[in-house]
PDB file of all heavy atoms in Angstrom:
ATOM      1  N   ILE A   1    -107.484  43.858 -16.029  1.00  0.00           N
ATOM      2  CA  ILE A   1    -107.160  42.482 -15.685  1.00  0.00           C
ATOM      3  C   ILE A   1    -105.636  42.360 -15.717  1.00  0.00           C
ATOM      4  O   ILE A   1    -104.988  42.803 -16.664  1.00  0.00           O
ATOM      5  CB  ILE A   1    -107.828  41.473 -16.645  1.00  0.00           C
ATOM      6  CG1 ILE A   1    -107.444  40.042 -16.277  1.00  0.00           C
ATOM      7  CG2 ILE A   1    -107.499  41.761 -18.082  1.00  0.00           C
ATOM      8  CD1 ILE A   1    -108.169  39.006 -17.114  1.00  0.00           C
ATOM      9  N   PHE A   2    -105.070  41.782 -14.663  1.00  0.00           N
ATOM     10  CA  PHE A   2    -103.617  41.719 -14.496  1.00  0.00           C
ATOM     11  C   PHE A   2    -103.209  40.286 -14.201  1.00  0.00           C
ATOM     12  O   PHE A   2    -103.855  39.589 -13.417  1.00  0.00           O
ATOM     13  CB  PHE A   2    -103.213  42.634 -13.336  1.00  0.00           C
ATOM     14  CG  PHE A   2    -101.762  42.567 -12.940  1.00  0.00           C
ATOM     15  CD1 PHE A   2    -100.754  42.783 -13.871  1.00  0.00           C
ATOM     16  CD2 PHE A   2    -101.410  42.320 -11.622  1.00  0.00           C
ATOM     17  CE1 PHE A   2     -99.411  42.736 -13.488  1.00  0.00           C
ATOM     18  CE2 PHE A   2    -100.083  42.271 -11.236  1.00  0.00           C
ATOM     19  CZ  PHE A   2     -99.078  42.479 -12.168  1.00  0.00           C
ATOM     20  N   ASN A   3    -102.130  39.833 -14.859  1.00  0.00           N
ATOM     21  CA  ASN A   3    -101.582  38.507 -14.565  1.00  0.00           C
ATOM     22  C   ASN A   3    -100.500  38.680 -13.510  1.00  0.00           C
ATOM     23  O   ASN A   3     -99.349  38.968 -13.807  1.00  0.00           O
ATOM     24  CB  ASN A   3    -101.008  37.869 -15.827  1.00  0.00           C
ATOM     25  CG  ASN A   3    -100.659  36.401 -15.618  1.00  0.00           C
ATOM     26  OD1 ASN A   3    -100.581  35.918 -14.485  1.00  0.00           O
ATOM     27  ND2 ASN A   3    -100.444  35.680 -16.704  1.00  0.00           N
ATOM     28  N   LYS A   4    -100.894  38.529 -12.285  1.00  0.00           N
ATOM     29  CA  LYS A   4    -100.006  38.765 -11.147  1.00  0.00           C
ATOM     30  C   LYS A   4     -98.913  37.702 -11.053  1.00  0.00           C
ATOM     31  O   LYS A   4     -99.198  36.514 -11.089  1.00  0.00           O
ATOM     32  CB  LYS A   4    -100.808  38.772  -9.848  1.00  0.00           C
ATOM     33  CG  LYS A   4     -99.970  38.871  -8.577  1.00  0.00           C
ATOM     34  CD  LYS A   4    -100.806  38.577  -7.351  1.00  0.00           C
ATOM     35  CE  LYS A   4     -99.998  38.484  -6.091  1.00  0.00           C
ATOM     36  NZ  LYS A   4     -98.975  37.433  -6.074  1.00  0.00           N
ATOM     37  N   PRO A   5     -97.658  38.129 -10.898  1.00  0.00           N
ATOM     38  CA  PRO A   5     -96.586  37.155 -10.681  1.00  0.00           C
ATOM     39  C   PRO A   5     -96.480  36.809  -9.195  1.00  0.00           C
ATOM     40  O   PRO A   5     -97.044  37.509  -8.342  1.00  0.00           O
ATOM     41  CB  PRO A   5     -95.336  37.926 -11.139  1.00  0.00           C
ATOM     42  CG  PRO A   5     -95.655  39.342 -10.786  1.00  0.00           C
ATOM     43  CD  PRO A   5     -97.142  39.503 -11.015  1.00  0.00           C
ATOM     44  N   GLU A   6     -95.782  35.736  -8.872  1.00  0.00           N
ATOM     45  CA  GLU A   6     -95.471  35.473  -7.479  1.00  0.00           C
ATOM     46  C   GLU A   6     -94.505  36.551  -6.997  1.00  0.00           C
ATOM     47  O   GLU A   6     -93.802  37.179  -7.786  1.00  0.00           O
ATOM     48  CB  GLU A   6     -94.809  34.107  -7.306  1.00  0.00           C
ATOM     49  CG  GLU A   6     -95.661  32.923  -7.741  1.00  0.00           C
ATOM     50  CD  GLU A   6     -95.428  32.514  -9.192  1.00  0.00           C
ATOM     51  OE1 GLU A   6     -94.899  33.355  -9.960  1.00  0.00           O
ATOM     52  OE2 GLU A   6     -95.764  31.381  -9.559  1.00  0.00           O
ATOM     53  N   GLY A   7     -94.490  36.784  -5.694  1.00  0.00           N
ATOM     54  CA  GLY A   7     -93.513  37.716  -5.150  1.00  0.00           C
ATOM     55  C   GLY A   7     -93.967  39.155  -5.080  1.00  0.00           C
ATOM     56  O   GLY A   7     -93.139  40.059  -4.966  1.00  0.00           O
ATOM     57  N   CYS A   8     -95.287  39.399  -5.160  1.00  0.00           N
ATOM     58  CA  CYS A   8     -95.796  40.750  -4.926  1.00  0.00           C
ATOM     59  C   CYS A   8     -97.132  40.629  -4.201  1.00  0.00           C
ATOM     60  O   CYS A   8     -97.798  39.597  -4.274  1.00  0.00           O
ATOM     61  CB  CYS A   8     -95.927  41.549  -6.219  1.00  0.00           C
ATOM     62  SG  CYS A   8     -97.260  41.043  -7.311  1.00  0.00           S
ATOM     63  N   VAL A   9     -97.500  41.684  -3.494  1.00  0.00           N
ATOM     64  CA  VAL A   9     -98.715  41.643  -2.679  1.00  0.00           C
ATOM     65  C   VAL A   9     -99.875  42.322  -3.396  1.00  0.00           C
ATOM     66  O   VAL A   9     -99.682  43.252  -4.180  1.00  0.00           O
ATOM     67  CB  VAL A   9     -98.496  42.305  -1.300  1.00  0.00           C
ATOM     68  CG1 VAL A   9     -97.555  41.471  -0.456  1.00  0.00           C
ATOM     69  CG2 VAL A   9     -97.942  43.719  -1.457  1.00  0.00           C
ATOM     70  N   SER A  10    -101.084  41.845  -3.122  1.00  0.00           N
ATOM     71  CA  SER A  10    -102.294  42.367  -3.783  1.00  0.00           C
ATOM     72  C   SER A  10    -102.879  43.530  -2.994  1.00  0.00           C
ATOM     73  O   SER A  10    -104.054  43.533  -2.622  1.00  0.00           O
ATOM     74  CB  SER A  10    -103.332  41.252  -3.920  1.00  0.00           C
ATOM     75  OG  SER A  10    -102.827  40.187  -4.666  1.00  0.00           O
ATOM     76  N   THR A  11    -102.045  44.537  -2.733  1.00  0.00           N
ATOM     77  CA  THR A  11    -102.483  45.718  -2.017  1.00  0.00           C
ATOM     78  C   THR A  11    -101.954  46.957  -2.730  1.00  0.00           C
ATOM     79  O   THR A  11    -101.098  46.866  -3.610  1.00  0.00           O
ATOM     80  CB  THR A  11    -101.969  45.716  -0.565  1.00  0.00           C
ATOM     81  OG1 THR A  11    -100.542  45.581  -0.573  1.00  0.00           O
ATOM     82  CG2 THR A  11    -102.572  44.570   0.229  1.00  0.00           C
ATOM     83  N   VAL A  12    -102.465  48.113  -2.322  1.00  0.00           N
ATOM     84  CA  VAL A  12    -102.004  49.372  -2.906  1.00  0.00           C
ATOM     85  C   VAL A  12    -100.662  49.772  -2.303  1.00  0.00           C
ATOM     86  O   VAL A  12     -99.771  50.262  -2.984  1.00  0.00           O
ATOM     87  CB  VAL A  12    -103.058  50.477  -2.674  1.00  0.00           C
ATOM     88  CG1 VAL A  12    -102.550  51.823  -3.173  1.00  0.00           C
ATOM     89  CG2 VAL A  12    -104.368  50.109  -3.372  1.00  0.00           C
ATOM     90  N   LYS A  13    -100.521  49.555  -0.980  1.00  0.00           N
ATOM     91  CA  LYS A  13     -99.269  49.833  -0.282  1.00  0.00           C
ATOM     92  C   LYS A  13     -98.917  48.638   0.594  1.00  0.00           C
ATOM     93  O   LYS A  13     -99.772  47.825   0.926  1.00  0.00           O
ATOM     94  CB  LYS A  13     -99.403  51.091   0.593  1.00  0.00           C
ATOM     95  CG  LYS A  13     -99.678  52.369  -0.176  1.00  0.00           C
ATOM     96  CD  LYS A  13     -99.790  53.548   0.775  1.00  0.00           C
ATOM     97  CE  LYS A  13    -100.099  54.841   0.022  1.00  0.00           C
ATOM     98  NZ  LYS A  13    -100.245  55.995   0.948  1.00  0.00           N
ATOM     99  N   ASP A  14     -97.642  48.526   0.968  1.00  0.00           N
ATOM    100  CA  ASP A  14     -97.224  47.432   1.844  1.00  0.00           C
ATOM    101  C   ASP A  14     -96.317  47.984   2.938  1.00  0.00           C
ATOM    102  O   ASP A  14     -95.323  48.660   2.649  1.00  0.00           O
ATOM    103  CB  ASP A  14     -96.482  46.356   1.054  1.00  0.00           C
ATOM    104  CG  ASP A  14     -96.092  45.178   1.930  1.00  0.00           C
ATOM    105  OD1 ASP A  14     -96.998  44.505   2.455  1.00  0.00           O
ATOM    106  OD2 ASP A  14     -94.882  44.944   2.118  1.00  0.00           O
ATOM    107  N   GLN A  15     -96.676  47.686   4.175  1.00  0.00           N
ATOM    108  CA  GLN A  15     -95.926  48.230   5.308  1.00  0.00           C
ATOM    109  C   GLN A  15     -94.512  47.669   5.416  1.00  0.00           C
ATOM    110  O   GLN A  15     -93.649  48.252   6.081  1.00  0.00           O
ATOM    111  CB  GLN A  15     -96.680  47.938   6.614  1.00  0.00           C
ATOM    112  CG  GLN A  15     -96.906  46.450   6.877  1.00  0.00           C
ATOM    113  CD  GLN A  15     -97.646  46.206   8.180  1.00  0.00           C
ATOM    114  OE1 GLN A  15     -97.492  46.956   9.137  1.00  0.00           O
ATOM    115  NE2 GLN A  15     -98.455  45.148   8.219  1.00  0.00           N
ATOM    116  N   PHE A  16     -94.255  46.557   4.750  1.00  0.00           N
ATOM    117  CA  PHE A  16     -92.924  45.945   4.809  1.00  0.00           C
ATOM    118  C   PHE A  16     -92.072  46.305   3.579  1.00  0.00           C
ATOM    119  O   PHE A  16     -90.974  45.783   3.417  1.00  0.00           O
ATOM    120  CB  PHE A  16     -93.055  44.426   4.923  1.00  0.00           C
ATOM    121  CG  PHE A  16     -93.848  43.984   6.122  1.00  0.00           C
ATOM    122  CD1 PHE A  16     -95.099  43.399   5.964  1.00  0.00           C
ATOM    123  CD2 PHE A  16     -93.353  44.158   7.414  1.00  0.00           C
ATOM    124  CE1 PHE A  16     -95.839  42.997   7.060  1.00  0.00           C
ATOM    125  CE2 PHE A  16     -94.092  43.756   8.516  1.00  0.00           C
ATOM    126  CZ  PHE A  16     -95.338  43.181   8.345  1.00  0.00           C
ATOM    127  N   GLY A  17     -92.596  47.166   2.744  1.00  0.00           N
ATOM    128  CA  GLY A  17     -91.828  47.617   1.591  1.00  0.00           C
ATOM    129  C   GLY A  17     -91.746  46.623   0.449  1.00  0.00           C
ATOM    130  O   GLY A  17     -90.914  46.767  -0.450  1.00  0.00           O
ATOM    131  N   ARG A  18     -92.622  45.608   0.464  1.00  0.00           N
ATOM    132  CA  ARG A  18     -92.620  44.633  -0.624  1.00  0.00           C
ATOM    133  C   ARG A  18     -93.284  45.217  -1.863  1.00  0.00           C
ATOM    134  O   ARG A  18     -94.042  46.160  -1.799  1.00  0.00           O
ATOM    135  CB  ARG A  18     -93.353  43.357  -0.187  1.00  0.00           C
ATOM    136  CG  ARG A  18     -92.675  42.591   0.931  1.00  0.00           C
ATOM    137  CD  ARG A  18     -93.545  41.427   1.405  1.00  0.00           C
ATOM    138  NE  ARG A  18     -94.791  41.893   2.006  1.00  0.00           N
ATOM    139  CZ  ARG A  18     -95.719  41.090   2.519  1.00  0.00           C
ATOM    140  NH1 ARG A  18     -95.533  39.777   2.480  1.00  0.00           N
ATOM    141  NH2 ARG A  18     -96.815  41.590   3.050  1.00  0.00           N
ATOM    142  N   LYS A  19     -92.982  44.632  -2.999  1.00  0.00           N
ATOM    143  CA  LYS A  19     -93.547  45.085  -4.261  1.00  0.00           C
ATOM    144  C   LYS A  19     -95.051  44.818  -4.269  1.00  0.00           C
ATOM    145  O   LYS A  19     -95.507  43.756  -3.850  1.00  0.00           O
ATOM    146  CB  LYS A  19     -92.870  44.350  -5.422  1.00  0.00           C
ATOM    147  CG  LYS A  19     -92.947  45.080  -6.750  1.00  0.00           C
ATOM    148  CD  LYS A  19     -91.984  44.475  -7.757  1.00  0.00           C
ATOM    149  CE  LYS A  19     -91.888  45.336  -8.997  1.00  0.00           C
ATOM    150  NZ  LYS A  19     -90.898  44.811  -9.969  1.00  0.00           N
ATOM    151  N   THR A  20     -95.826  45.782  -4.758  1.00  0.00           N
ATOM    152  CA  THR A  20     -97.272  45.613  -4.853  1.00  0.00           C
ATOM    153  C   THR A  20     -97.688  45.471  -6.309  1.00  0.00           C
ATOM    154  O   THR A  20     -96.915  45.758  -7.229  1.00  0.00           O
ATOM    155  CB  THR A  20     -98.012  46.824  -4.247  1.00  0.00           C
ATOM    156  OG1 THR A  20     -97.885  47.947  -5.132  1.00  0.00           O
ATOM    157  CG2 THR A  20     -97.446  47.181  -2.883  1.00  0.00           C
ATOM    158  N   VAL A  21     -98.923  45.050  -6.523  1.00  0.00           N
ATOM    159  CA  VAL A  21     -99.412  44.875  -7.892  1.00  0.00           C
ATOM    160  C   VAL A  21     -99.425  46.198  -8.655  1.00  0.00           C
ATOM    161  O   VAL A  21     -99.261  46.226  -9.880  1.00  0.00           O
ATOM    162  CB  VAL A  21    -100.815  44.233  -7.903  1.00  0.00           C
ATOM    163  CG1 VAL A  21    -100.753  42.796  -7.433  1.00  0.00           C
ATOM    164  CG2 VAL A  21    -101.805  45.035  -7.063  1.00  0.00           C
ATOM    165  N   LEU A  22     -99.600  47.309  -7.943  1.00  0.00           N
ATOM    166  CA  LEU A  22     -99.630  48.602  -8.616  1.00  0.00           C
ATOM    167  C   LEU A  22     -98.264  48.992  -9.178  1.00  0.00           C
ATOM    168  O   LEU A  22     -98.179  49.880 -10.023  1.00  0.00           O
ATOM    169  CB  LEU A  22    -100.122  49.687  -7.655  1.00  0.00           C
ATOM    170  CG  LEU A  22    -101.601  49.606  -7.241  1.00  0.00           C
ATOM    171  CD1 LEU A  22    -101.998  50.847  -6.468  1.00  0.00           C
ATOM    172  CD2 LEU A  22    -102.513  49.428  -8.446  1.00  0.00           C
ATOM    173  N   SER A  23     -97.218  48.305  -8.724  1.00  0.00           N
ATOM    174  CA  SER A  23     -95.879  48.577  -9.260  1.00  0.00           C
ATOM    175  C   SER A  23     -95.804  48.247 -10.747  1.00  0.00           C
ATOM    176  O   SER A  23     -94.938  48.759 -11.463  1.00  0.00           O
ATOM    177  CB  SER A  23     -94.833  47.754  -8.507  1.00  0.00           C
ATOM    178  OG  SER A  23     -94.862  48.022  -7.122  1.00  0.00           O
ATOM    179  N   TYR A  24     -96.710  47.393 -11.207  1.00  0.00           N
ATOM    180  CA  TYR A  24     -96.698  46.948 -12.603  1.00  0.00           C
ATOM    181  C   TYR A  24     -97.683  47.741 -13.473  1.00  0.00           C
ATOM    182  O   TYR A  24     -97.726  47.540 -14.680  1.00  0.00           O
ATOM    183  CB  TYR A  24     -97.052  45.465 -12.688  1.00  0.00           C
ATOM    184  CG  TYR A  24     -96.097  44.564 -11.941  1.00  0.00           C
ATOM    185  CD1 TYR A  24     -96.302  44.240 -10.607  1.00  0.00           C
ATOM    186  CD2 TYR A  24     -94.976  44.021 -12.584  1.00  0.00           C
ATOM    187  CE1 TYR A  24     -95.420  43.414  -9.926  1.00  0.00           C
ATOM    188  CE2 TYR A  24     -94.097  43.195 -11.907  1.00  0.00           C
ATOM    189  CZ  TYR A  24     -94.324  42.901 -10.579  1.00  0.00           C
ATOM    190  OH  TYR A  24     -93.446  42.078  -9.896  1.00  0.00           O
ATOM    191  N   LEU A  25     -98.465  48.629 -12.857  1.00  0.00           N
ATOM    192  CA  LEU A  25     -99.510  49.357 -13.594  1.00  0.00           C
ATOM    193  C   LEU A  25     -99.240  50.865 -13.550  1.00  0.00           C
ATOM    194  O   LEU A  25    -100.103  51.663 -13.200  1.00  0.00           O
ATOM    195  CB  LEU A  25    -100.894  49.050 -13.007  1.00  0.00           C
ATOM    196  CG  LEU A  25    -101.513  47.689 -13.346  1.00  0.00           C
ATOM    197  CD1 LEU A  25    -100.789  46.554 -12.675  1.00  0.00           C
ATOM    198  CD2 LEU A  25    -102.984  47.662 -12.964  1.00  0.00           C
ATOM    199  N   LYS A  26     -98.051  51.247 -13.915  1.00  0.00           N
ATOM    200  CA  LYS A  26     -97.609  52.629 -13.739  1.00  0.00           C
ATOM    201  C   LYS A  26     -98.228  53.604 -14.731  1.00  0.00           C
ATOM    202  O   LYS A  26     -98.213  54.806 -14.507  1.00  0.00           O
ATOM    203  CB  LYS A  26     -96.085  52.685 -13.838  1.00  0.00           C
ATOM    204  CG  LYS A  26     -95.383  51.926 -12.709  1.00  0.00           C
ATOM    205  CD  LYS A  26     -93.877  51.985 -12.846  1.00  0.00           C
ATOM    206  CE  LYS A  26     -93.207  51.238 -11.708  1.00  0.00           C
ATOM    207  NZ  LYS A  26     -91.720  51.251 -11.825  1.00  0.00           N
ATOM    208  N   ASN A  27     -98.765  53.127 -15.823  1.00  0.00           N
ATOM    209  CA  ASN A  27     -99.292  54.025 -16.850  1.00  0.00           C
ATOM    210  C   ASN A  27    -100.777  54.328 -16.687  1.00  0.00           C
ATOM    211  O   ASN A  27    -101.382  54.955 -17.561  1.00  0.00           O
ATOM    212  CB  ASN A  27     -99.045  53.437 -18.242  1.00  0.00           C
ATOM    213  CG  ASN A  27     -97.558  53.366 -18.571  1.00  0.00           C
ATOM    214  OD1 ASN A  27     -96.788  54.244 -18.178  1.00  0.00           O
ATOM    215  ND2 ASN A  27     -97.151  52.324 -19.277  1.00  0.00           N
ATOM    216  N   ILE A  28    -101.367  53.886 -15.584  1.00  0.00           N
ATOM    217  CA  ILE A  28    -102.782  54.152 -15.332  1.00  0.00           C
ATOM    218  C   ILE A  28    -102.895  55.322 -14.361  1.00  0.00           C
ATOM    219  O   ILE A  28    -102.413  55.263 -13.233  1.00  0.00           O
ATOM    220  CB  ILE A  28    -103.477  52.897 -14.760  1.00  0.00           C
ATOM    221  CG1 ILE A  28    -103.407  51.764 -15.794  1.00  0.00           C
ATOM    222  CG2 ILE A  28    -104.927  53.207 -14.404  1.00  0.00           C
ATOM    223  CD1 ILE A  28    -103.987  50.463 -15.316  1.00  0.00           C
ATOM    224  N   LYS A  29    -103.537  56.400 -14.788  1.00  0.00           N
ATOM    225  CA  LYS A  29    -103.596  57.622 -13.993  1.00  0.00           C
ATOM    226  C   LYS A  29    -104.616  57.531 -12.861  1.00  0.00           C
ATOM    227  O   LYS A  29    -104.425  58.095 -11.788  1.00  0.00           O
ATOM    228  CB  LYS A  29    -103.923  58.813 -14.899  1.00  0.00           C
ATOM    229  CG  LYS A  29    -102.849  59.097 -15.953  1.00  0.00           C
ATOM    230  CD  LYS A  29    -103.242  60.273 -16.824  1.00  0.00           C
ATOM    231  CE  LYS A  29    -102.171  60.546 -17.875  1.00  0.00           C
ATOM    232  NZ  LYS A  29    -102.534  61.694 -18.755  1.00  0.00           N
ATOM    233  N   GLU A  30    -105.724  56.856 -13.125  1.00  0.00           N
ATOM    234  CA  GLU A  30    -106.773  56.756 -12.109  1.00  0.00           C
ATOM    235  C   GLU A  30    -106.308  55.905 -10.924  1.00  0.00           C
ATOM    236  O   GLU A  30    -105.502  54.989 -11.085  1.00  0.00           O
ATOM    237  CB  GLU A  30    -108.048  56.147 -12.709  1.00  0.00           C
ATOM    238  CG  GLU A  30    -108.755  57.043 -13.701  1.00  0.00           C
ATOM    239  CD  GLU A  30    -108.110  57.011 -15.071  1.00  0.00           C
ATOM    240  OE1 GLU A  30    -107.210  56.169 -15.288  1.00  0.00           O
ATOM    241  OE2 GLU A  30    -108.502  57.821 -15.924  1.00  0.00           O
ATOM    242  N   ARG A  31    -106.843  56.216  -9.755  1.00  0.00           N
ATOM    243  CA  ARG A  31    -106.515  55.411  -8.577  1.00  0.00           C
ATOM    244  C   ARG A  31    -107.403  54.166  -8.574  1.00  0.00           C
ATOM    245  O   ARG A  31    -108.621  54.241  -8.443  1.00  0.00           O
ATOM    246  CB  ARG A  31    -106.748  56.217  -7.286  1.00  0.00           C
ATOM    247  CG  ARG A  31    -106.452  55.406  -6.027  1.00  0.00           C
ATOM    248  CD  ARG A  31    -106.385  56.283  -4.809  1.00  0.00           C
ATOM    249  NE  ARG A  31    -107.659  56.927  -4.520  1.00  0.00           N
ATOM    250  CZ  ARG A  31    -107.848  57.736  -3.467  1.00  0.00           C
ATOM    251  NH1 ARG A  31    -106.839  57.998  -2.657  1.00  0.00           N
ATOM    252  NH2 ARG A  31    -109.030  58.287  -3.257  1.00  0.00           N
ATOM    253  N   ILE A  32    -106.785  53.016  -8.764  1.00  0.00           N
ATOM    254  CA  ILE A  32    -107.517  51.757  -8.768  1.00  0.00           C
ATOM    255  C   ILE A  32    -106.985  50.860  -7.653  1.00  0.00           C
ATOM    256  O   ILE A  32    -105.907  51.106  -7.103  1.00  0.00           O
ATOM    257  CB  ILE A  32    -107.415  51.033 -10.128  1.00  0.00           C
ATOM    258  CG1 ILE A  32    -105.953  50.725 -10.473  1.00  0.00           C
ATOM    259  CG2 ILE A  32    -108.063  51.869 -11.220  1.00  0.00           C
ATOM    260  CD1 ILE A  32    -105.777  49.922 -11.754  1.00  0.00           C
ATOM    261  N   TYR A  33    -107.726  49.832  -7.339  1.00  0.00           N
ATOM    262  CA  TYR A  33    -107.334  48.925  -6.268  1.00  0.00           C
ATOM    263  C   TYR A  33    -107.766  47.501  -6.628  1.00  0.00           C
ATOM    264  O   TYR A  33    -108.680  47.299  -7.436  1.00  0.00           O
ATOM    265  CB  TYR A  33    -107.940  49.350  -4.930  1.00  0.00           C
ATOM    266  CG  TYR A  33    -109.432  49.605  -4.986  1.00  0.00           C
ATOM    267  CD1 TYR A  33    -110.345  48.580  -4.795  1.00  0.00           C
ATOM    268  CD2 TYR A  33    -109.931  50.874  -5.255  1.00  0.00           C
ATOM    269  CE1 TYR A  33    -111.699  48.805  -4.857  1.00  0.00           C
ATOM    270  CE2 TYR A  33    -111.293  51.110  -5.328  1.00  0.00           C
ATOM    271  CZ  TYR A  33    -112.170  50.073  -5.119  1.00  0.00           C
ATOM    272  OH  TYR A  33    -113.521  50.302  -5.192  1.00  0.00           O
TER     273      TYR A  33
END
């Protein structure tokens, strides 16, 4: 469960180079979405 801030996208990758939610979950080894 993640408390998402404004200013990031709810995707794994972003074609426009914007920050994604996974940018905040760097210590999780498994691939989650």
